[in-house]
């Protein structure tokens, strides 16, 4: 597999731009009866409007459509540095039960990173992050929010990618029920705790193999190119070292409304974001 993008650490923060978007009304399937006078030869018919669902790059907040189940990503997909894995996860699908979500925003956490849980070493809580890439690392934030991370790299490294936001694909009613929120607007899934709640997972899922068939799976999806991304510093890591606080290790799909706050710290990659060609 050939990876054409890699983001290296950038210490100096980029200028802020406002990437916020408005949430339009959700699309509705309308059925229009044929109101023309009845014909003696032709029976009255019902015409159904087809839904046109946008993809990841649309500025509308309508769900996307999954025509068929994509293949599960194999263990080898994850056997790379967390900073390489993070942008590759954009556009991929998370599936559990009837719920399918498309990943729109992530954050990378590396083993030598003062913001990474792996910095404290192996404990009962952090042990899964030191497992082989492709497993889930799930923890509770403030004892309330279930945070799903995808473990990266080889066993013993201690790095992962946090899933910050997703867009709904299937199972919208189940998502609403789990979230306790009757809306189709991005507030439904823009935030890592919301993603965990929508999938109906708990910290007991930590260590689960995302490449195993059944239960919680990570499926292949469209590639999001560098020019289709925005990058910025990670969120909520003020306790970390300054260089790690400022590192542009947050990646999101440009133009998507399914991105968490703050949005004004995100901007397109510039020449100061180094790109490398890597073949694995």
Protein backbone atom coordinates (compact mmCIF):
# COMPACT_ATOMS: atom_id res chain seq x y z
CA UNK A 1 0.00 0.00 0.00
CA UNK A 2 1.33 3.44 -0.89
CA UNK A 3 0.77 6.39 1.39
CA UNK A 4 1.24 9.70 -0.37
CA UNK A 5 0.90 12.02 2.60
CA UNK A 6 2.54 12.38 5.96
CA UNK A 7 2.35 15.34 8.33
CA UNK A 8 5.36 16.13 10.50
CA UNK A 9 5.23 18.21 13.66
CA UNK A 10 4.91 21.96 13.21
CA UNK A 11 5.78 24.08 16.25
CA UNK A 12 4.62 27.48 15.01
CA UNK A 13 0.81 27.75 14.86
CA UNK A 14 -0.77 28.89 11.63
CA UNK A 15 -3.01 31.94 11.33
CA UNK A 16 -6.62 31.32 12.30
CA UNK A 17 -9.41 31.44 9.81
CA UNK A 18 -13.13 30.99 10.35
CA UNK A 19 -14.15 27.59 8.99
CA UNK A 20 -17.59 27.67 10.54
CA UNK A 21 -20.60 26.65 8.51
CA UNK A 22 -24.31 27.07 8.91
CA UNK A 23 -26.53 24.08 9.50
CA UNK A 24 -29.26 23.98 6.89
CA UNK A 25 -32.48 22.11 7.33
CA UNK A 26 -32.19 18.32 6.90
CA UNK A 27 -33.38 16.73 3.69
CA UNK A 28 -36.83 15.17 3.73
CA UNK A 29 -38.16 12.42 1.52
CA UNK A 30 -41.31 13.78 -0.06
CA UNK A 31 -43.98 11.77 -1.80
CA UNK A 32 -46.05 13.80 -4.27
CA UNK A 33 -49.31 12.42 -5.62
CA UNK A 34 -50.19 12.94 -9.24
CA UNK A 35 -52.89 15.59 -9.04
CA UNK A 36 -53.76 15.52 -12.76
CA UNK A 37 -57.32 14.42 -13.66
CA UNK A 38 -57.86 10.70 -13.84
CA UNK A 39 -57.58 9.13 -17.23
CA UNK A 40 -59.86 6.41 -18.45
CA UNK A 41 -56.89 4.44 -19.73
CA UNK A 42 -54.10 5.31 -17.27
CA UNK A 43 -54.47 4.66 -13.53
CA UNK A 44 -53.46 7.28 -10.98
CA UNK A 45 -49.79 6.96 -10.00
CA UNK A 46 -47.62 8.02 -7.08
CA UNK A 47 -44.33 9.70 -7.95
CA UNK A 48 -41.49 9.49 -5.44
CA UNK A 49 -38.70 12.06 -5.28
CA UNK A 50 -35.24 10.56 -5.12
CA UNK A 51 -32.94 11.74 -2.34
CA UNK A 52 -29.60 13.15 -3.43
CA UNK A 53 -27.20 12.76 -0.54
CA UNK A 54 -23.92 14.71 -0.48
CA UNK A 55 -20.56 13.22 0.28
CA UNK A 56 -17.90 14.25 2.79
CA UNK A 57 -17.07 17.54 1.14
CA UNK A 58 -20.57 19.01 0.99
CA UNK A 59 -21.39 22.03 3.12
CA UNK A 60 -24.86 20.62 3.70
CA UNK A 61 -25.55 18.63 6.87
CA UNK A 62 -27.43 15.76 5.24
CA UNK A 63 -26.37 12.15 5.92
CA UNK A 64 -24.36 10.31 3.28
CA UNK A 65 -25.43 7.06 1.65
CA UNK A 66 -23.62 3.72 1.78
CA UNK A 67 -24.69 1.65 -1.20
CA UNK A 68 -22.95 -1.56 -0.11
CA UNK A 69 -20.79 -2.67 2.79
CA UNK A 70 -17.12 -1.84 2.14
CA UNK A 71 -14.42 -4.33 3.16
CA UNK A 72 -13.05 -4.35 6.69
CA UNK A 73 -9.60 -2.78 6.93
CA UNK A 74 -6.96 -5.40 7.75
CA UNK A 75 -4.43 -5.20 10.62
CA UNK A 76 -1.66 -4.04 8.26
CA UNK A 77 -3.53 -0.77 7.61
CA UNK A 78 -2.78 0.39 11.16
CA UNK A 79 0.88 -0.64 11.39
CA UNK A 80 2.18 2.89 10.84
CA UNK A 81 2.96 5.98 12.89
CA UNK A 82 -0.12 7.65 14.44
CA UNK A 83 0.69 10.85 12.58
CA UNK A 84 0.51 8.92 9.28
CA UNK A 85 -2.59 6.97 10.28
CA UNK A 86 -4.65 9.97 11.39
CA UNK A 87 -5.26 11.60 7.97
CA UNK A 88 -5.75 8.17 6.38
CA UNK A 89 -8.70 7.51 8.69
CA UNK A 90 -10.67 10.44 7.25
CA UNK A 91 -13.42 9.11 5.01
CA UNK A 92 -13.34 5.61 6.51
CA UNK A 93 -16.41 4.03 8.14
CA UNK A 94 -17.15 2.85 11.68
CA UNK A 95 -19.89 0.25 11.94
CA UNK A 96 -21.73 -1.25 14.89
CA UNK A 97 -25.13 -2.92 14.58
CA UNK A 98 -27.23 -0.86 12.16
CA UNK A 99 -25.17 2.29 12.76
CA UNK A 100 -22.53 3.32 10.21
CA UNK A 101 -20.57 6.55 10.68
CA UNK A 102 -18.08 8.18 8.31
CA UNK A 103 -15.01 9.69 10.01
CA UNK A 104 -14.65 13.45 9.41
CA UNK A 105 -12.23 14.59 12.13
CA UNK A 106 -9.35 12.99 14.04
CA UNK A 107 -6.37 13.79 16.28
CA UNK A 108 -3.01 11.99 16.37
CA UNK A 109 -1.27 11.07 19.65
CA UNK A 110 2.27 9.68 19.48
CA UNK A 111 4.33 7.77 22.05
CA UNK A 112 6.79 10.65 22.61
CA UNK A 113 3.93 13.13 22.95
CA UNK A 114 3.27 14.81 26.33
CA UNK A 115 -0.47 14.84 25.50
CA UNK A 116 -0.64 11.08 24.88
CA UNK A 117 -1.93 8.70 27.57
CA UNK A 118 0.96 6.41 26.74
CA UNK A 119 3.34 8.89 28.39
CA UNK A 120 2.54 7.40 31.83
CA UNK A 121 3.48 3.87 30.76
CA UNK A 122 1.45 0.69 30.95
CA UNK A 123 -1.37 0.75 33.49
CA UNK A 124 -4.69 -1.14 33.64
CA UNK A 125 -6.26 1.84 31.85
CA UNK A 126 -3.58 2.48 29.21
CA UNK A 127 -2.60 -1.13 28.43
CA UNK A 128 -4.69 -1.29 25.20
CA UNK A 129 -2.86 1.71 23.69
CA UNK A 130 0.35 -0.35 23.87
CA UNK A 131 -1.24 -3.19 21.91
CA UNK A 132 -0.86 -3.80 18.20
CA UNK A 133 -2.31 -1.27 15.78
CA UNK A 134 -5.94 -1.82 14.80
CA UNK A 135 -7.37 -2.25 18.29
CA UNK A 136 -9.65 0.18 20.08
CA UNK A 137 -8.49 2.26 23.03
CA UNK A 138 -11.57 3.52 24.87
CA UNK A 139 -11.57 5.66 27.99
CA UNK A 140 -13.90 7.93 29.93
CA UNK A 141 -13.28 11.68 29.86
CA UNK A 142 -14.36 13.40 33.10
CA UNK A 143 -16.04 10.12 33.97
CA UNK A 144 -18.83 10.87 31.47
CA UNK A 145 -17.75 10.89 27.83
CA UNK A 146 -16.71 7.68 26.07
CA UNK A 147 -13.74 8.46 23.81
CA UNK A 148 -12.89 6.07 20.96
CA UNK A 149 -9.27 5.89 19.80
CA UNK A 150 -7.73 3.71 17.10
CA UNK A 151 -4.41 2.22 18.23
CA UNK A 152 -1.58 2.83 15.76
CA UNK A 153 1.82 1.33 15.03
CA UNK A 154 3.46 -1.83 16.37
CA UNK A 155 2.79 -3.50 19.71
CA UNK A 156 4.54 -1.74 22.58
CA UNK A 157 4.71 1.71 20.92
CA UNK A 158 1.82 3.37 22.77
CA UNK A 159 0.20 5.68 20.20
CA UNK A 160 -3.32 6.17 18.87
CA UNK A 161 -5.72 8.36 16.88
CA UNK A 162 -8.75 9.93 18.57
CA UNK A 163 -11.99 9.94 16.55
CA UNK A 164 -13.31 13.46 17.12
CA UNK A 165 -16.29 13.69 14.74
CA UNK A 166 -18.28 11.66 12.23
CA UNK A 167 -21.14 12.01 9.76
CA UNK A 168 -24.12 9.63 9.91
CA UNK A 169 -24.53 7.12 7.10
CA UNK A 170 -27.08 4.57 8.35
CA UNK A 171 -28.97 3.93 11.57
CA UNK A 172 -29.99 7.56 12.09
CA UNK A 173 -32.90 6.68 14.39
CA UNK A 174 -30.65 4.47 16.53
CA UNK A 175 -28.10 7.30 16.72
CA UNK A 176 -30.78 9.75 17.84
CA UNK A 177 -32.04 7.31 20.48
CA UNK A 178 -28.56 6.65 21.88
CA UNK A 179 -27.76 10.35 21.88
CA UNK A 180 -31.13 11.32 23.34
CA UNK A 181 -31.32 14.03 20.70
CA UNK A 182 -33.93 14.33 17.93
CA UNK A 183 -32.00 16.21 15.25
CA UNK A 184 -30.13 15.59 12.01
CA UNK A 185 -27.85 18.60 12.47
CA UNK A 186 -24.08 18.20 13.02
CA UNK A 187 -24.47 18.69 16.79
CA UNK A 188 -25.52 15.02 16.73
CA UNK A 189 -21.98 13.75 16.07
CA UNK A 190 -19.48 16.62 16.33
CA UNK A 191 -17.39 15.66 19.33
CA UNK A 192 -15.59 12.49 20.48
CA UNK A 193 -17.99 11.80 23.33
CA UNK A 194 -20.92 12.04 20.94
CA UNK A 195 -19.33 9.52 18.57
CA UNK A 196 -18.82 7.01 21.39
CA UNK A 197 -22.41 7.48 22.57
CA UNK A 198 -23.82 7.11 19.05
CA UNK A 199 -21.96 3.81 18.64
CA UNK A 200 -23.24 2.61 22.01
CA UNK A 201 -19.81 1.64 23.31
CA UNK A 202 -18.27 1.78 26.78
CA UNK A 203 -14.74 1.52 28.17
CA UNK A 204 -15.20 -2.26 28.20
CA UNK A 205 -14.63 -2.06 24.43
CA UNK A 206 -11.02 -1.02 25.02
CA UNK A 207 -8.76 -3.63 23.41
CA UNK A 208 -11.38 -4.70 20.86
CA UNK A 209 -9.97 -5.62 17.41
CA UNK A 210 -11.48 -3.24 14.85
CA UNK A 211 -10.40 -5.55 12.02
CA UNK A 212 -12.46 -8.49 13.33
CA UNK A 213 -15.77 -9.20 11.63
CA UNK A 214 -18.86 -8.40 13.70
CA UNK A 215 -19.37 -6.08 16.68
CA UNK A 216 -17.43 -2.84 16.11
CA UNK A 217 -15.67 -2.67 12.73
CA UNK A 218 -13.60 -0.14 10.82
CA UNK A 219 -14.40 -0.29 7.10
CA UNK A 220 -12.60 1.05 4.07
CA UNK A 221 -13.84 4.29 2.53
CA UNK A 222 -12.89 7.03 0.08
CA UNK A 223 -9.43 8.56 0.31
CA UNK A 224 -9.36 12.18 1.46
CA UNK A 225 -6.47 13.98 -0.24
CA UNK A 226 -4.26 16.57 1.44
CA UNK A 227 -5.85 19.41 -0.48
CA UNK A 228 -9.25 18.28 0.83
CA UNK A 229 -8.17 18.57 4.48
CA UNK A 230 -7.80 21.25 7.10
CA UNK A 231 -5.35 20.98 9.98
CA UNK A 232 -4.88 22.62 13.36
CA UNK A 233 -3.76 22.16 16.97
CA UNK A 234 -5.47 19.53 19.09
CA UNK A 235 -8.24 20.35 21.55
CA UNK A 236 -8.18 20.26 25.36
CA UNK A 237 -4.48 19.48 25.94
CA UNK A 238 -3.37 22.59 27.83
CA UNK A 239 -1.51 20.35 30.29
CA UNK A 240 0.97 19.26 27.58
CA UNK A 241 4.31 20.82 26.65
CA UNK A 242 4.03 23.99 24.51
CA UNK A 243 5.43 22.32 21.40
CA UNK A 244 2.84 19.56 21.68
CA UNK A 245 -0.01 22.01 22.34
CA UNK A 246 0.93 23.88 19.16
CA UNK A 247 1.53 20.81 16.98
CA UNK A 248 -0.87 20.67 14.02
CA UNK A 249 -2.00 17.10 14.62
CA UNK A 250 -5.75 17.64 14.26
CA UNK A 251 -7.11 16.70 10.82
CA UNK A 252 -10.59 17.28 9.38
CA UNK A 253 -12.41 17.18 6.06
CA UNK A 254 -12.46 20.67 4.54
CA UNK A 255 -15.94 22.08 3.97
CA UNK A 256 -17.71 19.43 6.05
CA UNK A 257 -20.20 20.66 8.68
CA UNK A 258 -19.50 17.50 10.69
CA UNK A 259 -16.53 19.03 12.54
CA UNK A 260 -16.34 19.84 16.25
CA UNK A 261 -15.49 23.17 17.85
CA UNK A 262 -13.33 25.15 17.67
CA UNK A 263 -13.34 25.46 13.89
CA UNK A 264 -11.50 28.76 13.68
CA UNK A 265 -8.18 27.06 14.53
CA UNK A 266 -8.36 24.90 11.39
CA UNK A 267 -6.93 25.91 8.04
CA UNK A 268 -5.63 24.26 4.85
CA UNK A 269 -2.11 22.78 5.08
CA UNK A 270 0.61 25.18 3.98
CA UNK A 271 4.23 24.85 2.92
CA UNK A 272 5.19 24.69 6.60
CA UNK A 273 3.31 21.37 6.89
CA UNK A 274 5.86 18.92 5.53
CA UNK A 275 4.66 16.11 3.26
CA UNK A 276 6.66 12.97 2.64
CA UNK A 277 6.20 10.00 0.33
CA UNK A 278 6.23 6.70 2.22
CA UNK A 279 5.82 3.20 0.86
CA UNK A 280 4.85 0.33 3.15
